Amino acid sequence: MRCEQARGKLWGLVDGGLSARVEREVAGHVVGCAGCREELVALRELDAALAGEGRVDPPKGMAAEVARRATARAMVRRRVMVPRWLEALTLAGASAAGAAVGLIGARVVGLTATMGPGYGVLVAVVGAAIAVAMVGTQYYEA
């Protein structure tokens, strides 16, 4: 285990929040690393000093407010990173690409010749709808 990994788990070692396997790995690293050992000692001293302080409950509704703000911030970031005009342009491009792929596929297979031109339009519309659905799903998962 490297120092960066061990240092990220030192608090878990102090408060007992690590699995037995990870605790053994971190403890083994601390034995051989003076820097991490010093940091662990400092964290234990801090934990002991804070143990004498009483716990304070957060204000009522704080969790809901934090969740609301985090959601709002994520939505703002998404809109800042992908403006509506770019989203519309992307969906339009995906629709056109889907339609083109549908028409080309139908032409290659020879369906438009045997089924009539209306079938080619249907294939194009279905291809466009699939492309829009795929792009929209990718966008809203971000």
N, C-alpha and C. Protein backbone atom coordinates (compact mmCIF):
# COMPACT_ATOMS: atom_id res chain seq x y z
N MET A 1 0.85 -1.18 0.00
CA MET A 1 0.00 0.00 0.00
C MET A 1 0.89 1.23 0.00
N ARG A 2 0.52 2.22 -0.82
CA ARG A 2 1.27 3.46 -0.90
C ARG A 2 0.74 4.46 0.12
N CYS A 3 1.54 5.48 0.40
CA CYS A 3 1.18 6.49 1.40
C CYS A 3 -0.15 7.17 1.07
N GLU A 4 -0.39 7.51 -0.21
CA GLU A 4 -1.63 8.19 -0.59
C GLU A 4 -2.85 7.35 -0.21
N GLN A 5 -2.76 6.05 -0.47
CA GLN A 5 -3.87 5.16 -0.14
C GLN A 5 -4.03 5.04 1.38
N ALA A 6 -2.93 4.88 2.08
CA ALA A 6 -2.99 4.72 3.53
C ALA A 6 -3.51 5.97 4.21
N ARG A 7 -3.06 7.14 3.77
CA ARG A 7 -3.49 8.39 4.40
C ARG A 7 -4.99 8.61 4.24
N GLY A 8 -5.54 8.15 3.15
CA GLY A 8 -6.98 8.26 2.96
C GLY A 8 -7.78 7.36 3.88
N LYS A 9 -7.13 6.42 4.50
CA LYS A 9 -7.83 5.47 5.36
C LYS A 9 -7.45 5.59 6.84
N LEU A 10 -6.61 6.56 7.17
CA LEU A 10 -6.16 6.68 8.57
C LEU A 10 -7.30 7.00 9.52
N TRP A 11 -8.25 7.85 9.11
CA TRP A 11 -9.39 8.12 9.99
C TRP A 11 -10.18 6.86 10.25
N GLY A 12 -10.32 6.03 9.24
CA GLY A 12 -11.01 4.75 9.42
C GLY A 12 -10.29 3.86 10.41
N LEU A 13 -8.97 3.93 10.42
CA LEU A 13 -8.19 3.17 11.38
C LEU A 13 -8.40 3.72 12.80
N VAL A 14 -8.52 5.03 12.91
CA VAL A 14 -8.73 5.66 14.23
C VAL A 14 -10.11 5.30 14.78
N ASP A 15 -11.14 5.41 13.95
CA ASP A 15 -12.50 5.21 14.47
C ASP A 15 -13.05 3.80 14.26
N GLY A 16 -12.23 2.91 13.73
CA GLY A 16 -12.66 1.52 13.58
C GLY A 16 -13.63 1.30 12.44
N GLY A 17 -13.60 2.14 11.43
CA GLY A 17 -14.55 2.03 10.33
C GLY A 17 -14.05 1.23 9.14
N LEU A 18 -12.94 0.54 9.28
CA LEU A 18 -12.39 -0.23 8.15
C LEU A 18 -12.70 -1.71 8.31
N SER A 19 -12.74 -2.40 7.20
CA SER A 19 -12.89 -3.86 7.27
C SER A 19 -11.60 -4.43 7.85
N ALA A 20 -11.67 -5.65 8.34
CA ALA A 20 -10.50 -6.28 8.98
C ALA A 20 -9.33 -6.36 8.01
N ARG A 21 -9.60 -6.68 6.75
CA ARG A 21 -8.52 -6.81 5.76
C ARG A 21 -7.85 -5.46 5.50
N VAL A 22 -8.65 -4.42 5.28
CA VAL A 22 -8.09 -3.09 5.01
C VAL A 22 -7.37 -2.57 6.24
N GLU A 23 -7.93 -2.83 7.41
CA GLU A 23 -7.26 -2.39 8.65
C GLU A 23 -5.88 -3.01 8.78
N ARG A 24 -5.77 -4.30 8.45
CA ARG A 24 -4.44 -4.97 8.49
C ARG A 24 -3.49 -4.34 7.50
N GLU A 25 -3.98 -4.04 6.29
CA GLU A 25 -3.11 -3.44 5.27
C GLU A 25 -2.61 -2.06 5.70
N VAL A 26 -3.52 -1.23 6.22
CA VAL A 26 -3.14 0.12 6.64
C VAL A 26 -2.19 0.04 7.83
N ALA A 27 -2.51 -0.80 8.80
CA ALA A 27 -1.64 -0.95 9.98
C ALA A 27 -0.27 -1.45 9.57
N GLY A 28 -0.21 -2.37 8.63
CA GLY A 28 1.08 -2.87 8.14
C GLY A 28 1.88 -1.76 7.47
N HIS A 29 1.21 -0.89 6.74
CA HIS A 29 1.91 0.22 6.10
C HIS A 29 2.43 1.20 7.15
N VAL A 30 1.59 1.50 8.14
CA VAL A 30 1.96 2.48 9.17
C VAL A 30 3.18 2.01 9.95
N VAL A 31 3.31 0.71 10.15
CA VAL A 31 4.47 0.18 10.89
C VAL A 31 5.76 0.53 10.16
N GLY A 32 5.75 0.48 8.86
CA GLY A 32 6.98 0.72 8.10
C GLY A 32 7.14 2.13 7.56
N CYS A 33 6.20 3.04 7.83
CA CYS A 33 6.26 4.38 7.26
C CYS A 33 6.17 5.41 8.37
N ALA A 34 7.26 6.12 8.60
CA ALA A 34 7.32 7.10 9.69
C ALA A 34 6.34 8.25 9.47
N GLY A 35 6.19 8.72 8.23
CA GLY A 35 5.30 9.84 7.95
C GLY A 35 3.85 9.50 8.24
N CYS A 36 3.40 8.34 7.81
CA CYS A 36 2.03 7.93 8.06
C CYS A 36 1.82 7.64 9.55
N ARG A 37 2.84 7.10 10.18
CA ARG A 37 2.76 6.82 11.62
C ARG A 37 2.58 8.13 12.39
N GLU A 38 3.34 9.17 12.03
CA GLU A 38 3.20 10.47 12.69
C GLU A 38 1.80 11.05 12.47
N GLU A 39 1.29 10.91 11.26
CA GLU A 39 -0.04 11.43 10.97
C GLU A 39 -1.10 10.66 11.76
N LEU A 40 -0.92 9.35 11.89
CA LEU A 40 -1.86 8.55 12.67
C LEU A 40 -1.85 8.98 14.14
N VAL A 41 -0.68 9.24 14.69
CA VAL A 41 -0.57 9.71 16.07
C VAL A 41 -1.31 11.04 16.22
N ALA A 42 -1.11 11.95 15.29
CA ALA A 42 -1.78 13.25 15.33
C ALA A 42 -3.30 13.10 15.24
N LEU A 43 -3.77 12.19 14.38
CA LEU A 43 -5.21 11.97 14.26
C LEU A 43 -5.79 11.37 15.53
N ARG A 44 -5.06 10.46 16.16
CA ARG A 44 -5.53 9.87 17.42
C ARG A 44 -5.59 10.94 18.52
N GLU A 45 -4.61 11.84 18.54
CA GLU A 45 -4.64 12.94 19.53
C GLU A 45 -5.84 13.85 19.28
N LEU A 46 -6.09 14.16 18.03
CA LEU A 46 -7.23 14.99 17.68
C LEU A 46 -8.54 14.30 18.06
N ASP A 47 -8.64 13.00 17.79
CA ASP A 47 -9.83 12.25 18.13
C ASP A 47 -10.06 12.25 19.65
N ALA A 48 -8.99 12.09 20.41
CA ALA A 48 -9.11 12.10 21.88
C ALA A 48 -9.55 13.48 22.37
N ALA A 49 -9.02 14.54 21.76
CA ALA A 49 -9.40 15.89 22.16
C ALA A 49 -10.86 16.17 21.83
N LEU A 50 -11.32 15.70 20.70
CA LEU A 50 -12.72 15.93 20.29
C LEU A 50 -13.70 15.03 21.05
N ALA A 51 -13.22 13.92 21.60
CA ALA A 51 -14.11 12.99 22.31
C ALA A 51 -14.73 13.65 23.53
N GLY A 52 -14.03 14.62 24.13
CA GLY A 52 -14.56 15.29 25.31
C GLY A 52 -15.64 16.30 24.98
N GLU A 53 -15.76 16.68 23.74
CA GLU A 53 -16.78 17.65 23.33
C GLU A 53 -18.12 16.94 23.13
N GLY A 54 -19.19 17.63 23.44
CA GLY A 54 -20.52 17.06 23.22
C GLY A 54 -20.90 17.12 21.76
N ARG A 55 -21.79 16.24 21.39
CA ARG A 55 -22.28 16.24 20.00
C ARG A 55 -23.43 17.23 19.88
N VAL A 56 -23.50 17.86 18.73
CA VAL A 56 -24.56 18.82 18.45
C VAL A 56 -25.36 18.30 17.27
N ASP A 57 -26.67 18.24 17.44
CA ASP A 57 -27.53 17.80 16.34
C ASP A 57 -27.64 18.93 15.32
N PRO A 58 -27.67 18.57 14.04
CA PRO A 58 -27.83 19.61 13.01
C PRO A 58 -29.21 20.22 13.10
N PRO A 59 -29.36 21.43 12.59
CA PRO A 59 -30.68 22.08 12.62
C PRO A 59 -31.71 21.26 11.84
N LYS A 60 -32.96 21.36 12.26
CA LYS A 60 -34.04 20.63 11.60
C LYS A 60 -34.14 21.07 10.13
N GLY A 61 -34.23 20.10 9.25
CA GLY A 61 -34.36 20.37 7.83
C GLY A 61 -33.04 20.58 7.10
N MET A 62 -31.93 20.46 7.80
CA MET A 62 -30.64 20.71 7.16
C MET A 62 -30.33 19.69 6.06
N ALA A 63 -30.62 18.41 6.33
CA ALA A 63 -30.34 17.38 5.33
C ALA A 63 -31.14 17.63 4.05
N ALA A 64 -32.40 17.99 4.21
CA ALA A 64 -33.24 18.26 3.03
C ALA A 64 -32.72 19.47 2.27
N GLU A 65 -32.28 20.49 2.98
CA GLU A 65 -31.76 21.69 2.32
C GLU A 65 -30.46 21.40 1.58
N VAL A 66 -29.58 20.60 2.19
CA VAL A 66 -28.33 20.24 1.52
C VAL A 66 -28.63 19.44 0.25
N ALA A 67 -29.56 18.49 0.34
CA ALA A 67 -29.92 17.71 -0.84
C ALA A 67 -30.52 18.59 -1.93
N ARG A 68 -31.39 19.54 -1.53
CA ARG A 68 -32.01 20.45 -2.51
C ARG A 68 -30.96 21.28 -3.22
N ARG A 69 -30.01 21.83 -2.44
CA ARG A 69 -28.97 22.67 -3.04
C ARG A 69 -28.05 21.86 -3.96
N ALA A 70 -27.73 20.64 -3.54
CA ALA A 70 -26.87 19.80 -4.39
C ALA A 70 -27.56 19.48 -5.71
N THR A 71 -28.85 19.19 -5.65
CA THR A 71 -29.61 18.89 -6.87
C THR A 71 -29.68 20.12 -7.77
N ALA A 72 -29.95 21.28 -7.16
CA ALA A 72 -30.03 22.51 -7.95
C ALA A 72 -28.69 22.83 -8.59
N ARG A 73 -27.60 22.64 -7.85
CA ARG A 73 -26.27 22.93 -8.39
C ARG A 73 -25.96 21.99 -9.55
N ALA A 74 -26.32 20.71 -9.41
CA ALA A 74 -26.07 19.75 -10.49
C ALA A 74 -26.85 20.13 -11.74
N MET A 75 -28.10 20.59 -11.56
CA MET A 75 -28.91 20.98 -12.71
C MET A 75 -28.33 22.23 -13.38
N VAL A 76 -27.86 23.18 -12.59
CA VAL A 76 -27.26 24.39 -13.15
C VAL A 76 -26.00 24.03 -13.92
N ARG A 77 -25.17 23.17 -13.35
CA ARG A 77 -23.94 22.77 -14.04
C ARG A 77 -24.25 22.13 -15.37
N ARG A 78 -25.26 21.28 -15.39
CA ARG A 78 -25.60 20.60 -16.65
C ARG A 78 -26.04 21.63 -17.68
N ARG A 79 -26.85 22.60 -17.27
CA ARG A 79 -27.32 23.61 -18.21
C ARG A 79 -26.19 24.53 -18.63
N VAL A 80 -25.25 24.81 -17.75
CA VAL A 80 -24.13 25.66 -18.12
C VAL A 80 -23.23 24.91 -19.10
N MET A 81 -23.02 23.63 -18.84
CA MET A 81 -22.12 22.85 -19.68
C MET A 81 -22.75 22.50 -21.02
N VAL A 82 -24.06 22.27 -21.05
CA VAL A 82 -24.74 21.93 -22.29
C VAL A 82 -25.95 22.86 -22.43
N PRO A 83 -25.79 23.99 -23.12
CA PRO A 83 -26.91 24.93 -23.29
C PRO A 83 -28.03 24.30 -24.10
N ARG A 84 -29.22 24.85 -23.95
CA ARG A 84 -30.40 24.30 -24.65
C ARG A 84 -30.22 24.29 -26.17
N TRP A 85 -29.61 25.33 -26.73
CA TRP A 85 -29.46 25.36 -28.18
C TRP A 85 -28.56 24.23 -28.66
N LEU A 86 -27.52 23.91 -27.86
CA LEU A 86 -26.63 22.82 -28.24
C LEU A 86 -27.33 21.47 -28.09
N GLU A 87 -28.15 21.37 -27.05
CA GLU A 87 -28.93 20.15 -26.86
C GLU A 87 -29.86 19.94 -28.04
N ALA A 88 -30.56 21.00 -28.46
CA ALA A 88 -31.48 20.90 -29.60
C ALA A 88 -30.73 20.55 -30.88
N LEU A 89 -29.57 21.18 -31.07
CA LEU A 89 -28.75 20.89 -32.25
C LEU A 89 -28.29 19.43 -32.24
N THR A 90 -27.90 18.94 -31.07
CA THR A 90 -27.46 17.56 -30.96
C THR A 90 -28.59 16.60 -31.28
N LEU A 91 -29.78 16.88 -30.73
CA LEU A 91 -30.92 16.01 -31.00
C LEU A 91 -31.32 16.06 -32.47
N ALA A 92 -31.24 17.26 -33.08
CA ALA A 92 -31.56 17.38 -34.50
C ALA A 92 -30.55 16.59 -35.34
N GLY A 93 -29.28 16.72 -34.97
CA GLY A 93 -28.25 15.96 -35.69
C GLY A 93 -28.43 14.47 -35.54
N ALA A 94 -28.78 14.05 -34.34
CA ALA A 94 -29.01 12.61 -34.11
C ALA A 94 -30.22 12.13 -34.91
N SER A 95 -31.25 12.97 -34.98
CA SER A 95 -32.43 12.60 -35.76
C SER A 95 -32.08 12.44 -37.23
N ALA A 96 -31.34 13.40 -37.75
CA ALA A 96 -30.94 13.34 -39.17
C ALA A 96 -30.06 12.12 -39.42
N ALA A 97 -29.14 11.87 -38.51
CA ALA A 97 -28.25 10.71 -38.67
C ALA A 97 -29.05 9.42 -38.62
N GLY A 98 -30.00 9.33 -37.68
CA GLY A 98 -30.83 8.13 -37.60
C GLY A 98 -31.67 7.93 -38.84
N ALA A 99 -32.22 9.01 -39.34
CA ALA A 99 -33.01 8.92 -40.56
C ALA A 99 -32.15 8.47 -41.74
N ALA A 100 -30.97 9.04 -41.84
CA ALA A 100 -30.08 8.66 -42.95
C ALA A 100 -29.68 7.20 -42.85
N VAL A 101 -29.33 6.77 -41.64
CA VAL A 101 -28.95 5.36 -41.45
C VAL A 101 -30.13 4.45 -41.79
N GLY A 102 -31.33 4.86 -41.35
CA GLY A 102 -32.51 4.05 -41.65
C GLY A 102 -32.77 3.94 -43.15
N LEU A 103 -32.67 5.06 -43.85
CA LEU A 103 -32.90 5.05 -45.30
C LEU A 103 -31.83 4.26 -46.04
N ILE A 104 -30.58 4.47 -45.64
CA ILE A 104 -29.49 3.73 -46.29
C ILE A 104 -29.64 2.24 -46.03
N GLY A 105 -29.96 1.91 -44.78
CA GLY A 105 -30.15 0.49 -44.44
C GLY A 105 -31.28 -0.13 -45.24
N ALA A 106 -32.38 0.61 -45.35
CA ALA A 106 -33.52 0.10 -46.12
C ALA A 106 -33.16 -0.05 -47.59
N ARG A 107 -32.37 0.90 -48.11
CA ARG A 107 -31.96 0.84 -49.52
C ARG A 107 -31.02 -0.34 -49.76
N VAL A 108 -30.09 -0.53 -48.81
CA VAL A 108 -29.12 -1.62 -48.96
C VAL A 108 -29.84 -2.96 -48.96
N VAL A 109 -30.79 -3.09 -48.05
CA VAL A 109 -31.50 -4.37 -47.97
C VAL A 109 -32.49 -4.52 -49.11
N GLY A 110 -32.83 -3.40 -49.74
CA GLY A 110 -33.74 -3.44 -50.88
C GLY A 110 -35.20 -3.40 -50.48
N LEU A 111 -35.49 -2.96 -49.26
CA LEU A 111 -36.87 -2.95 -48.79
C LEU A 111 -37.70 -1.87 -49.46
N THR A 112 -37.10 -0.72 -49.74
CA THR A 112 -37.90 0.36 -50.32
C THR A 112 -38.37 0.00 -51.73
N ALA A 113 -37.58 -0.79 -52.41
CA ALA A 113 -37.97 -1.17 -53.77
C ALA A 113 -39.16 -2.13 -53.74
N THR A 114 -39.17 -3.05 -52.77
CA THR A 114 -40.23 -4.05 -52.73
C THR A 114 -41.44 -3.58 -51.92
N MET A 115 -41.23 -2.73 -50.90
CA MET A 115 -42.32 -2.34 -50.01
C MET A 115 -42.91 -0.98 -50.40
N GLY A 116 -42.25 -0.21 -51.21
CA GLY A 116 -42.77 1.09 -51.61
C GLY A 116 -42.05 2.21 -50.87
N PRO A 117 -42.17 3.45 -51.35
CA PRO A 117 -41.46 4.57 -50.76
C PRO A 117 -41.95 4.92 -49.35
N GLY A 118 -43.20 4.63 -49.04
CA GLY A 118 -43.72 4.93 -47.70
C GLY A 118 -42.98 4.14 -46.62
N TYR A 119 -42.54 2.96 -46.96
CA TYR A 119 -41.80 2.13 -46.01
C TYR A 119 -40.45 2.76 -45.68
N GLY A 120 -39.81 3.37 -46.66
CA GLY A 120 -38.54 4.06 -46.43
C GLY A 120 -38.71 5.22 -45.46
N VAL A 121 -39.81 5.95 -45.59
CA VAL A 121 -40.09 7.05 -44.66
C VAL A 121 -40.29 6.50 -43.25
N LEU A 122 -41.02 5.40 -43.13
CA LEU A 122 -41.24 4.78 -41.83
C LEU A 122 -39.92 4.35 -41.20
N VAL A 123 -39.06 3.74 -41.98
CA VAL A 123 -37.75 3.32 -41.48
C VAL A 123 -36.95 4.54 -41.03
N ALA A 124 -37.00 5.62 -41.79
CA ALA A 124 -36.27 6.84 -41.43
C ALA A 124 -36.79 7.42 -40.12
N VAL A 125 -38.11 7.45 -39.94
CA VAL A 125 -38.70 7.99 -38.72
C VAL A 125 -38.31 7.13 -37.52
N VAL A 126 -38.37 5.82 -37.66
CA VAL A 126 -37.99 4.92 -36.56
C VAL A 126 -36.51 5.09 -36.23
N GLY A 127 -35.67 5.18 -37.24
CA GLY A 127 -34.24 5.41 -37.01
C GLY A 127 -33.99 6.71 -36.29
N ALA A 128 -34.68 7.76 -36.67
CA ALA A 128 -34.53 9.06 -36.00
C ALA A 128 -34.99 8.98 -34.56
N ALA A 129 -36.10 8.32 -34.31
CA ALA A 129 -36.61 8.19 -32.94
C ALA A 129 -35.63 7.43 -32.06
N ILE A 130 -35.05 6.37 -32.59
CA ILE A 130 -34.06 5.60 -31.81
C ILE A 130 -32.84 6.46 -31.52
N ALA A 131 -32.37 7.21 -32.50
CA ALA A 131 -31.20 8.07 -32.29
C ALA A 131 -31.49 9.13 -31.24
N VAL A 132 -32.66 9.76 -31.29
CA VAL A 132 -33.03 10.78 -30.32
C VAL A 132 -33.11 10.17 -28.93
N ALA A 133 -33.70 9.00 -28.82
CA ALA A 133 -33.81 8.34 -27.52
C ALA A 133 -32.43 8.03 -26.95
N MET A 134 -31.51 7.57 -27.81
CA MET A 134 -30.16 7.24 -27.33
C MET A 134 -29.43 8.49 -26.87
N VAL A 135 -29.48 9.55 -27.64
CA VAL A 135 -28.79 10.80 -27.27
C VAL A 135 -29.42 11.39 -26.02
N GLY A 136 -30.74 11.41 -25.94
CA GLY A 136 -31.43 11.94 -24.77
C GLY A 136 -31.09 11.17 -23.52
N THR A 137 -31.02 9.86 -23.61
CA THR A 137 -30.68 9.03 -22.46
C THR A 137 -29.26 9.34 -22.00
N GLN A 138 -28.33 9.47 -22.92
CA GLN A 138 -26.95 9.79 -22.56
C GLN A 138 -26.86 11.16 -21.90
N TYR A 139 -27.63 12.11 -22.41
CA TYR A 139 -27.56 13.46 -21.88
C TYR A 139 -28.09 13.52 -20.46
N TYR A 140 -29.23 12.91 -20.22
CA TYR A 140 -29.85 13.03 -18.91
C TYR A 140 -29.23 12.10 -17.88
N GLU A 141 -28.38 11.18 -18.28
CA GLU A 141 -27.66 10.37 -17.30
C GLU A 141 -26.44 11.10 -16.78
N ALA A 142 -25.98 12.13 -17.49
CA ALA A 142 -24.76 12.85 -17.09
C ALA A 142 -24.94 13.59 -15.79
